[in-house]
PDB file of N, CA and C in Angstrom:
ATOM      1  N   MET A   1      94.092  82.065 138.155  1.00  0.00           N
ATOM      2  CA  MET A   1      95.261  82.897 138.354  1.00  0.00           C
ATOM      3  C   MET A   1      95.061  83.810 139.554  1.00  0.00           C
ATOM      4  N   GLY A   2      93.850  84.278 139.829  1.00  0.00           N
ATOM      5  CA  GLY A   2      93.598  85.124 140.984  1.00  0.00           C
ATOM      6  C   GLY A   2      93.840  86.594 140.715  1.00  0.00           C
ATOM      7  N   VAL A   3      93.385  87.404 141.644  1.00  0.00           N
ATOM      8  CA  VAL A   3      93.555  88.853 141.535  1.00  0.00           C
ATOM      9  C   VAL A   3      94.948  89.223 142.034  1.00  0.00           C
ATOM     10  N   PRO A   4      95.684  90.020 141.256  1.00  0.00           N
ATOM     11  CA  PRO A   4      97.032  90.428 141.680  1.00  0.00           C
ATOM     12  C   PRO A   4      96.988  91.249 142.976  1.00  0.00           C
ATOM     13  N   LYS A   5      98.042  91.128 143.755  1.00  0.00           N
ATOM     14  CA  LYS A   5      98.162  91.852 145.024  1.00  0.00           C
ATOM     15  C   LYS A   5      98.605  93.295 144.758  1.00  0.00           C
ATOM     16  N   PRO A   6      97.901  94.266 145.329  1.00  0.00           N
ATOM     17  CA  PRO A   6      98.324  95.664 145.168  1.00  0.00           C
ATOM     18  C   PRO A   6      99.712  95.899 145.780  1.00  0.00           C
ATOM     19  N   LEU A   7     100.478  96.781 145.143  1.00  0.00           N
ATOM     20  CA  LEU A   7     101.772  97.180 145.679  1.00  0.00           C
ATOM     21  C   LEU A   7     101.573  98.238 146.762  1.00  0.00           C
ATOM     22  N   THR A   8     102.466  98.261 147.726  1.00  0.00           N
ATOM     23  CA  THR A   8     102.455  99.323 148.733  1.00  0.00           C
ATOM     24  C   THR A   8     103.069 100.582 148.126  1.00  0.00           C
ATOM     25  N   ASP A   9     102.875 101.699 148.785  1.00  0.00           N
ATOM     26  CA  ASP A   9     103.490 102.950 148.316  1.00  0.00           C
ATOM     27  C   ASP A   9     105.011 102.808 148.237  1.00  0.00           C
ATOM     28  N   GLU A  10     105.604 102.134 149.199  1.00  0.00           N
ATOM     29  CA  GLU A  10     107.049 101.945 149.209  1.00  0.00           C
ATOM     30  C   GLU A  10     107.498 101.075 148.031  1.00  0.00           C
ATOM     31  N   GLU A  11     106.744 100.042 147.729  1.00  0.00           N
ATOM     32  CA  GLU A  11     107.074  99.171 146.594  1.00  0.00           C
ATOM     33  C   GLU A  11     106.948  99.918 145.267  1.00  0.00           C
ATOM     34  N   ILE A  12     105.946 100.778 145.177  1.00  0.00           N
ATOM     35  CA  ILE A  12     105.763 101.569 143.947  1.00  0.00           C
ATOM     36  C   ILE A  12     106.928 102.536 143.777  1.00  0.00           C
ATOM     37  N   THR A  13     107.289 103.219 144.838  1.00  0.00           N
ATOM     38  CA  THR A  13     108.411 104.163 144.787  1.00  0.00           C
ATOM     39  C   THR A  13     109.695 103.448 144.378  1.00  0.00           C
ATOM     40  N   ALA A  14     109.949 102.291 144.962  1.00  0.00           N
ATOM     41  CA  ALA A  14     111.150 101.518 144.627  1.00  0.00           C
ATOM     42  C   ALA A  14     111.113 101.060 143.173  1.00  0.00           C
ATOM     43  N   ALA A  15     109.969 100.634 142.690  1.00  0.00           N
ATOM     44  CA  ALA A  15     109.845 100.163 141.304  1.00  0.00           C
ATOM     45  C   ALA A  15     110.095 101.298 140.317  1.00  0.00           C
ATOM     46  N   LEU A  16     109.625 102.490 140.642  1.00  0.00           N
ATOM     47  CA  LEU A  16     109.795 103.622 139.729  1.00  0.00           C
ATOM     48  C   LEU A  16     111.246 104.060 139.597  1.00  0.00           C
ATOM     49  N   VAL A  17     112.067 103.737 140.576  1.00  0.00           N
ATOM     50  CA  VAL A  17     113.502 104.036 140.476  1.00  0.00           C
ATOM     51  C   VAL A  17     114.088 103.298 139.268  1.00  0.00           C
ATOM     52  N   GLY A  18     113.600 102.105 139.008  1.00  0.00           N
ATOM     53  CA  GLY A  18     114.082 101.312 137.882  1.00  0.00           C
ATOM     54  C   GLY A  18     113.338 101.565 136.585  1.00  0.00           C
ATOM     55  N   LEU A  19     112.467 102.570 136.581  1.00  0.00           N
ATOM     56  CA  LEU A  19     111.689 102.907 135.387  1.00  0.00           C
ATOM     57  C   LEU A  19     111.818 104.399 135.083  1.00  0.00           C
ATOM     58  N   PRO A  20     112.997 104.823 134.602  1.00  0.00           N
ATOM     59  CA  PRO A  20     113.176 106.247 134.301  1.00  0.00           C
ATOM     60  C   PRO A  20     112.120 106.740 133.307  1.00  0.00           C
ATOM     61  N   GLY A  21     111.582 107.922 133.590  1.00  0.00           N
ATOM     62  CA  GLY A  21     110.580 108.514 132.709  1.00  0.00           C
ATOM     63  C   GLY A  21     109.152 108.195 133.116  1.00  0.00           C
ATOM     64  N   TRP A  22     108.957 107.158 133.904  1.00  0.00           N
ATOM     65  CA  TRP A  22     107.621 106.802 134.374  1.00  0.00           C
ATOM     66  C   TRP A  22     107.332 107.596 135.645  1.00  0.00           C
ATOM     67  N   GLU A  23     106.080 108.001 135.810  1.00  0.00           N
ATOM     68  CA  GLU A  23     105.686 108.714 137.015  1.00  0.00           C
ATOM     69  C   GLU A  23     104.354 108.173 137.518  1.00  0.00           C
ATOM     70  N   ARG A  24     104.191 108.285 138.792  1.00  0.00           N
ATOM     71  CA  ARG A  24     102.941 107.846 139.400  1.00  0.00           C
ATOM     72  C   ARG A  24     101.929 108.974 139.320  1.00  0.00           C
ATOM     73  N   GLN A  25     100.725 108.621 138.899  1.00  0.00           N
ATOM     74  CA  GLN A  25      99.604 109.557 138.858  1.00  0.00           C
ATOM     75  C   GLN A  25      98.447 108.881 139.593  1.00  0.00           C
ATOM     76  N   GLY A  26      98.492 108.951 140.913  1.00  0.00           N
ATOM     77  CA  GLY A  26      97.488 108.254 141.718  1.00  0.00           C
ATOM     78  C   GLY A  26      97.696 106.753 141.635  1.00  0.00           C
ATOM     79  N   ASP A  27      96.699 106.036 141.143  1.00  0.00           N
ATOM     80  CA  ASP A  27      96.789 104.584 141.015  1.00  0.00           C
ATOM     81  C   ASP A  27      97.147 104.152 139.592  1.00  0.00           C
ATOM     82  N   VAL A  28      97.889 105.007 138.902  1.00  0.00           N
ATOM     83  CA  VAL A  28      98.337 104.759 137.527  1.00  0.00           C
ATOM     84  C   VAL A  28      99.814 105.112 137.456  1.00  0.00           C
ATOM     85  N   ILE A  29     100.573 104.379 136.632  1.00  0.00           N
ATOM     86  CA  ILE A  29     101.906 104.849 136.258  1.00  0.00           C
ATOM     87  C   ILE A  29     101.833 105.229 134.787  1.00  0.00           C
ATOM     88  N   ALA A  30     102.528 106.292 134.423  1.00  0.00           N
ATOM     89  CA  ALA A  30     102.427 106.821 133.066  1.00  0.00           C
ATOM     90  C   ALA A  30     103.778 107.297 132.564  1.00  0.00           C
ATOM     91  N   ARG A  31     103.926 107.213 131.250  1.00  0.00           N
ATOM     92  CA  ARG A  31     105.126 107.752 130.601  1.00  0.00           C
ATOM     93  C   ARG A  31     104.749 108.234 129.213  1.00  0.00           C
ATOM     94  N   THR A  32     105.308 109.373 128.836  1.00  0.00           N
ATOM     95  CA  THR A  32     105.150 109.888 127.477  1.00  0.00           C
ATOM     96  C   THR A  32     106.479 109.770 126.760  1.00  0.00           C
ATOM     97  N   TYR A  33     106.452 109.158 125.592  1.00  0.00           N
ATOM     98  CA  TYR A  33     107.641 108.981 124.756  1.00  0.00           C
ATOM     99  C   TYR A  33     107.566 109.965 123.602  1.00  0.00           C
ATOM    100  N   GLU A  34     108.661 110.639 123.333  1.00  0.00           N
ATOM    101  CA  GLU A  34     108.764 111.433 122.112  1.00  0.00           C
ATOM    102  C   GLU A  34     109.172 110.463 121.018  1.00  0.00           C
ATOM    103  N   ILE A  35     108.270 110.257 120.064  1.00  0.00           N
ATOM    104  CA  ILE A  35     108.492 109.253 119.027  1.00  0.00           C
ATOM    105  C   ILE A  35     107.718 109.667 117.788  1.00  0.00           C
ATOM    106  N   ARG A  36     108.310 109.427 116.639  1.00  0.00           N
ATOM    107  CA  ARG A  36     107.640 109.771 115.390  1.00  0.00           C
ATOM    108  C   ARG A  36     106.365 108.952 115.229  1.00  0.00           C
ATOM    109  N   TYR A  37     105.393 109.540 114.572  1.00  0.00           N
ATOM    110  CA  TYR A  37     104.047 108.967 114.459  1.00  0.00           C
ATOM    111  C   TYR A  37     104.051 107.527 113.948  1.00  0.00           C
ATOM    112  N   HIS A  38     104.699 107.275 112.816  1.00  0.00           N
ATOM    113  CA  HIS A  38     104.663 105.931 112.230  1.00  0.00           C
ATOM    114  C   HIS A  38     105.410 104.910 113.086  1.00  0.00           C
ATOM    115  N   ALA A  39     106.473 105.349 113.739  1.00  0.00           N
ATOM    116  CA  ALA A  39     107.175 104.453 114.657  1.00  0.00           C
ATOM    117  C   ALA A  39     106.285 104.130 115.858  1.00  0.00           C
ATOM    118  N   ALA A  40     105.526 105.116 116.323  1.00  0.00           N
ATOM    119  CA  ALA A  40     104.608 104.890 117.443  1.00  0.00           C
ATOM    120  C   ALA A  40     103.499 103.913 117.060  1.00  0.00           C
ATOM    121  N   VAL A  41     102.982 104.044 115.842  1.00  0.00           N
ATOM    122  CA  VAL A  41     101.946 103.114 115.385  1.00  0.00           C
ATOM    123  C   VAL A  41     102.497 101.686 115.377  1.00  0.00           C
ATOM    124  N   ALA A  42     103.696 101.518 114.870  1.00  0.00           N
ATOM    125  CA  ALA A  42     104.320 100.189 114.857  1.00  0.00           C
ATOM    126  C   ALA A  42     104.544  99.683 116.278  1.00  0.00           C
ATOM    127  N   ALA A  43     104.960 100.569 117.170  1.00  0.00           N
ATOM    128  CA  ALA A  43     105.162 100.179 118.568  1.00  0.00           C
ATOM    129  C   ALA A  43     103.844  99.744 119.203  1.00  0.00           C
ATOM    130  N   ILE A  44     102.765 100.452 118.902  1.00  0.00           N
ATOM    131  CA  ILE A  44     101.456 100.104 119.457  1.00  0.00           C
ATOM    132  C   ILE A  44     101.037  98.693 119.046  1.00  0.00           C
ATOM    133  N   VAL A  45     101.303  98.332 117.800  1.00  0.00           N
ATOM    134  CA  VAL A  45     100.960  96.980 117.338  1.00  0.00           C
ATOM    135  C   VAL A  45     101.731  95.939 118.143  1.00  0.00           C
ATOM    136  N   THR A  46     103.008  96.187 118.373  1.00  0.00           N
ATOM    137  CA  THR A  46     103.822  95.254 119.151  1.00  0.00           C
ATOM    138  C   THR A  46     103.379  95.237 120.611  1.00  0.00           C
ATOM    139  N   ILE A  47     103.094  96.404 121.174  1.00  0.00           N
ATOM    140  CA  ILE A  47     102.609  96.469 122.555  1.00  0.00           C
ATOM    141  C   ILE A  47     101.303  95.687 122.691  1.00  0.00           C
ATOM    142  N   ALA A  48     100.409  95.843 121.732  1.00  0.00           N
ATOM    143  CA  ALA A  48      99.130  95.120 121.779  1.00  0.00           C
ATOM    144  C   ALA A  48      99.346  93.616 121.732  1.00  0.00           C
ATOM    145  N   ASP A  49     100.278  93.165 120.902  1.00  0.00           N
ATOM    146  CA  ASP A  49     100.559  91.734 120.812  1.00  0.00           C
ATOM    147  C   ASP A  49     101.121  91.202 122.123  1.00  0.00           C
ATOM    148  N   ARG A  50     102.092  91.905 122.687  1.00  0.00           N
ATOM    149  CA  ARG A  50     102.679  91.464 123.955  1.00  0.00           C
ATOM    150  C   ARG A  50     101.647  91.525 125.085  1.00  0.00           C
ATOM    151  N   SER A  51     100.814  92.552 125.075  1.00  0.00           N
ATOM    152  CA  SER A  51      99.786  92.694 126.098  1.00  0.00           C
ATOM    153  C   SER A  51      98.811  91.527 126.065  1.00  0.00           C
ATOM    154  N   ARG A  52      98.448  91.116 124.883  1.00  0.00           N
ATOM    155  CA  ARG A  52      97.554  89.969 124.734  1.00  0.00           C
ATOM    156  C   ARG A  52      98.201  88.722 125.321  1.00  0.00           C
ATOM    157  N   ARG A  53      99.476  88.564 125.085  1.00  0.00           N
ATOM    158  CA  ARG A  53     100.184  87.372 125.576  1.00  0.00           C
ATOM    159  C   ARG A  53     100.305  87.333 127.093  1.00  0.00           C
ATOM    160  N   VAL A  54     100.450  88.486 127.730  1.00  0.00           N
ATOM    161  CA  VAL A  54     100.602  88.508 129.187  1.00  0.00           C
ATOM    162  C   VAL A  54      99.279  88.820 129.901  1.00  0.00           C
ATOM    163  N   HIS A  55      98.216  88.992 129.133  1.00  0.00           N
ATOM    164  CA  HIS A  55      96.875  89.258 129.675  1.00  0.00           C
ATOM    165  C   HIS A  55      96.840  90.511 130.541  1.00  0.00           C
ATOM    166  N   HIS A  56      97.521  91.545 130.063  1.00  0.00           N
ATOM    167  CA  HIS A  56      97.546  92.821 130.775  1.00  0.00           C
ATOM    168  C   HIS A  56      97.793  93.903 129.735  1.00  0.00           C
ATOM    169  N   HIS A  57      97.086  95.013 129.806  1.00  0.00           N
ATOM    170  CA  HIS A  57      97.243  96.040 128.780  1.00  0.00           C
ATOM    171  C   HIS A  57      97.384  97.432 129.389  1.00  0.00           C
ATOM    172  N   ALA A  58      97.927  98.305 128.574  1.00  0.00           N
ATOM    173  CA  ALA A  58      98.064  99.717 128.935  1.00  0.00           C
ATOM    174  C   ALA A  58      97.030 100.519 128.151  1.00  0.00           C
ATOM    175  N   ASP A  59      96.673 101.670 128.682  1.00  0.00           N
ATOM    176  CA  ASP A  59      95.890 102.638 127.914  1.00  0.00           C
ATOM    177  C   ASP A  59      96.912 103.464 127.144  1.00  0.00           C
ATOM    178  N   LEU A  60      96.751 103.532 125.834  1.00  0.00           N
ATOM    179  CA  LEU A  60      97.730 104.204 124.971  1.00  0.00           C
ATOM    180  C   LEU A  60      97.093 105.409 124.303  1.00  0.00           C
ATOM    181  N   ASP A  61      97.829 106.521 124.247  1.00  0.00           N
ATOM    182  CA  ASP A  61      97.366 107.756 123.643  1.00  0.00           C
ATOM    183  C   ASP A  61      98.388 108.180 122.589  1.00  0.00           C
ATOM    184  N   LEU A  62      98.010 108.081 121.334  1.00  0.00           N
ATOM    185  CA  LEU A  62      98.893 108.403 120.207  1.00  0.00           C
ATOM    186  C   LEU A  62      98.655 109.833 119.746  1.00  0.00           C
ATOM    187  N   ARG A  63      99.738 110.572 119.628  1.00  0.00           N
ATOM    188  CA  ARG A  63      99.715 111.932 119.087  1.00  0.00           C
ATOM    189  C   ARG A  63     100.704 111.989 117.927  1.00  0.00           C
ATOM    190  N   ILE A  64     100.759 113.088 117.227  1.00  0.00           N
ATOM    191  CA  ILE A  64     101.596 113.190 116.032  1.00  0.00           C
ATOM    192  C   ILE A  64     103.077 112.998 116.351  1.00  0.00           C
ATOM    193  N   ASP A  65     103.509 113.390 117.545  1.00  0.00           N
ATOM    194  CA  ASP A  65     104.930 113.288 117.875  1.00  0.00           C
ATOM    195  C   ASP A  65     105.183 112.641 119.227  1.00  0.00           C
ATOM    196  N   SER A  66     104.176 111.938 119.758  1.00  0.00           N
ATOM    197  CA  SER A  66     104.372 111.293 121.053  1.00  0.00           C
ATOM    198  C   SER A  66     103.389 110.136 121.256  1.00  0.00           C
ATOM    199  N   LEU A  67     103.749 109.294 122.191  1.00  0.00           N
ATOM    200  CA  LEU A  67     102.919 108.177 122.605  1.00  0.00           C
ATOM    201  C   LEU A  67     102.935 108.152 124.133  1.00  0.00           C
ATOM    202  N   THR A  68     101.763 108.158 124.746  1.00  0.00           N
ATOM    203  CA  THR A  68     101.669 108.080 126.196  1.00  0.00           C
ATOM    204  C   THR A  68     101.062 106.743 126.584  1.00  0.00           C
ATOM    205  N   ALA A  69     101.708 106.084 127.543  1.00  0.00           N
ATOM    206  CA  ALA A  69     101.200 104.825 128.089  1.00  0.00           C
ATOM    207  C   ALA A  69     100.792 105.071 129.534  1.00  0.00           C
ATOM    208  N   ARG A  70      99.620 104.596 129.896  1.00  0.00           N
ATOM    209  CA  ARG A  70      99.139 104.653 131.274  1.00  0.00           C
ATOM    210  C   ARG A  70      98.753 103.241 131.673  1.00  0.00           C
ATOM    211  N   ILE A  71      99.227 102.829 132.861  1.00  0.00           N
ATOM    212  CA  ILE A  71      99.013 101.447 133.279  1.00  0.00           C
ATOM    213  C   ILE A  71      98.465 101.395 134.696  1.00  0.00           C
ATOM    214  N   THR A  72      97.464 100.557 134.897  1.00  0.00           N
ATOM    215  CA  THR A  72      96.937 100.194 136.202  1.00  0.00           C
ATOM    216  C   THR A  72      96.360  98.793 136.049  1.00  0.00           C
ATOM    217  N   THR A  73      96.126  98.110 137.148  1.00  0.00           N
ATOM    218  CA  THR A  73      95.550  96.770 137.058  1.00  0.00           C
ATOM    219  C   THR A  73      94.046  96.869 137.285  1.00  0.00           C
ATOM    220  N   HIS A  74      93.308  96.805 136.193  1.00  0.00           N
ATOM    221  CA  HIS A  74      91.850  96.912 136.235  1.00  0.00           C
ATOM    222  C   HIS A  74      91.239  95.787 137.063  1.00  0.00           C
ATOM    223  N   ASP A  75      91.764  94.563 136.906  1.00  0.00           N
ATOM    224  CA  ASP A  75      91.213  93.395 137.606  1.00  0.00           C
ATOM    225  C   ASP A  75      91.361  93.476 139.117  1.00  0.00           C
ATOM    226  N   ALA A  76      92.277  94.302 139.591  1.00  0.00           N
ATOM    227  CA  ALA A  76      92.504  94.434 141.038  1.00  0.00           C
ATOM    228  C   ALA A  76      91.828  95.687 141.590  1.00  0.00           C
ATOM    229  N   GLY A  77      90.934  96.274 140.795  1.00  0.00           N
ATOM    230  CA  GLY A  77      90.224  97.469 141.262  1.00  0.00           C
ATOM    231  C   GLY A  77      90.941  98.762 140.955  1.00  0.00           C
ATOM    232  N   HIS A  78      91.680  98.779 139.848  1.00  0.00           N
ATOM    233  CA  HIS A  78      92.402  99.983 139.405  1.00  0.00           C
ATOM    234  C   HIS A  78      93.447 100.425 140.427  1.00  0.00           C
ATOM    235  N   VAL A  79      94.295  99.484 140.823  1.00  0.00           N
ATOM    236  CA  VAL A  79      95.432  99.771 141.691  1.00  0.00           C
ATOM    237  C   VAL A  79      96.692  99.278 140.996  1.00  0.00           C
ATOM    238  N   LEU A  80      97.840  99.673 141.518  1.00  0.00           N
ATOM    239  CA  LEU A  80      99.112  99.264 140.927  1.00  0.00           C
ATOM    240  C   LEU A  80      99.572  97.933 141.503  1.00  0.00           C
ATOM    241  N   THR A  81     100.013  97.062 140.592  1.00  0.00           N
ATOM    242  CA  THR A  81     100.499  95.737 140.976  1.00  0.00           C
ATOM    243  C   THR A  81     101.821  95.470 140.263  1.00  0.00           C
ATOM    244  N   ARG A  82     102.436  94.345 140.594  1.00  0.00           N
ATOM    245  CA  ARG A  82     103.691  93.944 139.946  1.00  0.00           C
ATOM    246  C   ARG A  82     103.498  93.817 138.425  1.00  0.00           C
ATOM    247  N   ALA A  83     102.301  93.419 137.996  1.00  0.00           N
ATOM    248  CA  ALA A  83     102.026  93.286 136.564  1.00  0.00           C
ATOM    249  C   ALA A  83     102.197  94.622 135.837  1.00  0.00           C
ATOM    250  N   ASP A  84     101.876  95.720 136.501  1.00  0.00           N
ATOM    251  CA  ASP A  84     102.025  97.045 135.885  1.00  0.00           C
ATOM    252  C   ASP A  84     103.494  97.390 135.687  1.00  0.00           C
ATOM    253  N   VAL A  85     104.294  97.089 136.684  1.00  0.00           N
ATOM    254  CA  VAL A  85     105.732  97.347 136.595  1.00  0.00           C
ATOM    255  C   VAL A  85     106.348  96.494 135.482  1.00  0.00           C
ATOM    256  N   ASP A  86     105.968  95.235 135.428  1.00  0.00           N
ATOM    257  CA  ASP A  86     106.481  94.350 134.374  1.00  0.00           C
ATOM    258  C   ASP A  86     106.086  94.862 132.991  1.00  0.00           C
ATOM    259  N   LEU A  87     104.837  95.287 132.838  1.00  0.00           N
ATOM    260  CA  LEU A  87     104.388  95.791 131.544  1.00  0.00           C
ATOM    261  C   LEU A  87     105.127  97.082 131.180  1.00  0.00           C
ATOM    262  N   ALA A  88     105.386  97.939 132.143  1.00  0.00           N
ATOM    263  CA  ALA A  88     106.133  99.173 131.869  1.00  0.00           C
ATOM    264  C   ALA A  88     107.520  98.854 131.318  1.00  0.00           C
ATOM    265  N   HIS A  89     108.194  97.865 131.892  1.00  0.00           N
ATOM    266  CA  HIS A  89     109.508  97.455 131.373  1.00  0.00           C
ATOM    267  C   HIS A  89     109.381  96.949 129.938  1.00  0.00           C
ATOM    268  N   ARG A  90     108.353  96.165 129.657  1.00  0.00           N
ATOM    269  CA  ARG A  90     108.138  95.642 128.301  1.00  0.00           C
ATOM    270  C   ARG A  90     107.895  96.784 127.308  1.00  0.00           C
ATOM    271  N   ILE A  91     107.071  97.743 127.713  1.00  0.00           N
ATOM    272  CA  ILE A  91     106.766  98.872 126.823  1.00  0.00           C
ATOM    273  C   ILE A  91     108.018  99.695 126.565  1.00  0.00           C
ATOM    274  N   ASP A  92     108.836  99.936 127.595  1.00  0.00           N
ATOM    275  CA  ASP A  92     110.097 100.658 127.388  1.00  0.00           C
ATOM    276  C   ASP A  92     110.949  99.974 126.320  1.00  0.00           C
ATOM    277  N   ALA A  93     111.081  98.664 126.406  1.00  0.00           N
ATOM    278  CA  ALA A  93     111.903  97.920 125.451  1.00  0.00           C
ATOM    279  C   ALA A  93     111.313  97.983 124.049  1.00  0.00           C
ATOM    280  N   ILE A  94     110.009  97.874 123.949  1.00  0.00           N
ATOM    281  CA  ILE A  94     109.347  97.915 122.636  1.00  0.00           C
ATOM    282  C   ILE A  94     109.522  99.282 121.989  1.00  0.00           C
ATOM    283  N   VAL A  95     109.262 100.337 122.743  1.00  0.00           N
ATOM    284  CA  VAL A  95     109.387 101.686 122.181  1.00  0.00           C
ATOM    285  C   VAL A  95     110.837 101.969 121.800  1.00  0.00           C
ATOM    286  N   ALA A  96     111.781 101.562 122.621  1.00  0.00           N
ATOM    287  CA  ALA A  96     113.195 101.776 122.299  1.00  0.00           C
ATOM    288  C   ALA A  96     113.554 101.084 120.989  1.00  0.00           C
ATOM    289  N   ALA A  97     113.061  99.878 120.794  1.00  0.00           N
ATOM    290  CA  ALA A  97     113.345  99.143 119.553  1.00  0.00           C
ATOM    291  C   ALA A  97     112.742  99.860 118.346  1.00  0.00           C
ATOM    292  N   HIS A  98     111.564 100.388 118.484  1.00  0.00           N
ATOM    293  CA  HIS A  98     110.908 101.069 117.349  1.00  0.00           C
ATOM    294  C   HIS A  98     111.512 102.431 117.091  1.00  0.00           C
ATOM    295  N   GLN A  99     112.042 103.092 118.114  1.00  0.00           N
ATOM    296  CA  GLN A  99     112.710 104.369 117.899  1.00  0.00           C
ATOM    297  C   GLN A  99     114.016 104.185 117.164  1.00  0.00           C
ATOM    298  N   ALA A 100     114.607 103.012 117.283  1.00  0.00           N
ATOM    299  CA  ALA A 100     115.900 102.736 116.658  1.00  0.00           C
ATOM    300  C   ALA A 100     115.767 102.392 115.187  1.00  0.00           C
ATOM    301  N   LEU A 101     114.558 102.100 114.743  1.00  0.00           N
ATOM    302  CA  LEU A 101     114.370 101.696 113.340  1.00  0.00           C
ATOM    303  C   LEU A 101     114.337 102.929 112.436  1.00  0.00           C
ATOM    304  N   PRO A 102     115.187 102.941 111.400  1.00  0.00           N
ATOM    305  CA  PRO A 102     115.114 104.066 110.445  1.00  0.00           C
ATOM    306  C   PRO A 102     113.834 103.943 109.615  1.00  0.00           C
ATOM    307  N   LEU A 103     113.095 105.035 109.516  1.00  0.00           N
ATOM    308  CA  LEU A 103     111.822 104.984 108.805  1.00  0.00           C
ATOM    309  C   LEU A 103     111.830 105.798 107.516  1.00  0.00           C
ATOM    310  N   ASP A 104     112.920 106.445 107.209  1.00  0.00           N
ATOM    311  CA  ASP A 104     112.974 107.272 105.990  1.00  0.00           C
ATOM    312  C   ASP A 104     113.374 106.461 104.786  1.00  0.00           C
TER     313      ASP A 104
END
């Protein structure tokens, strides 16, 4: 498959326009979701499954009322690639689906 090509600063800026809530932190993109704990746990399981399928993962930080995702491409030397942008879109969809589920 090869090592993914790093994105330019301009490509990263353009990609973030289509990813509301995500911000660049050096060579990482990150987003914190306000989400109930049990919904976040369920989202993490789904994120892990999808990550395994696409061979790319995020660093996830679970708190009582939030979930933070941080993404970079480790295989490319910890730089941002198209794979990071694609994974961010997937995580947005997964978290949105889990936030919509009634848990009470």
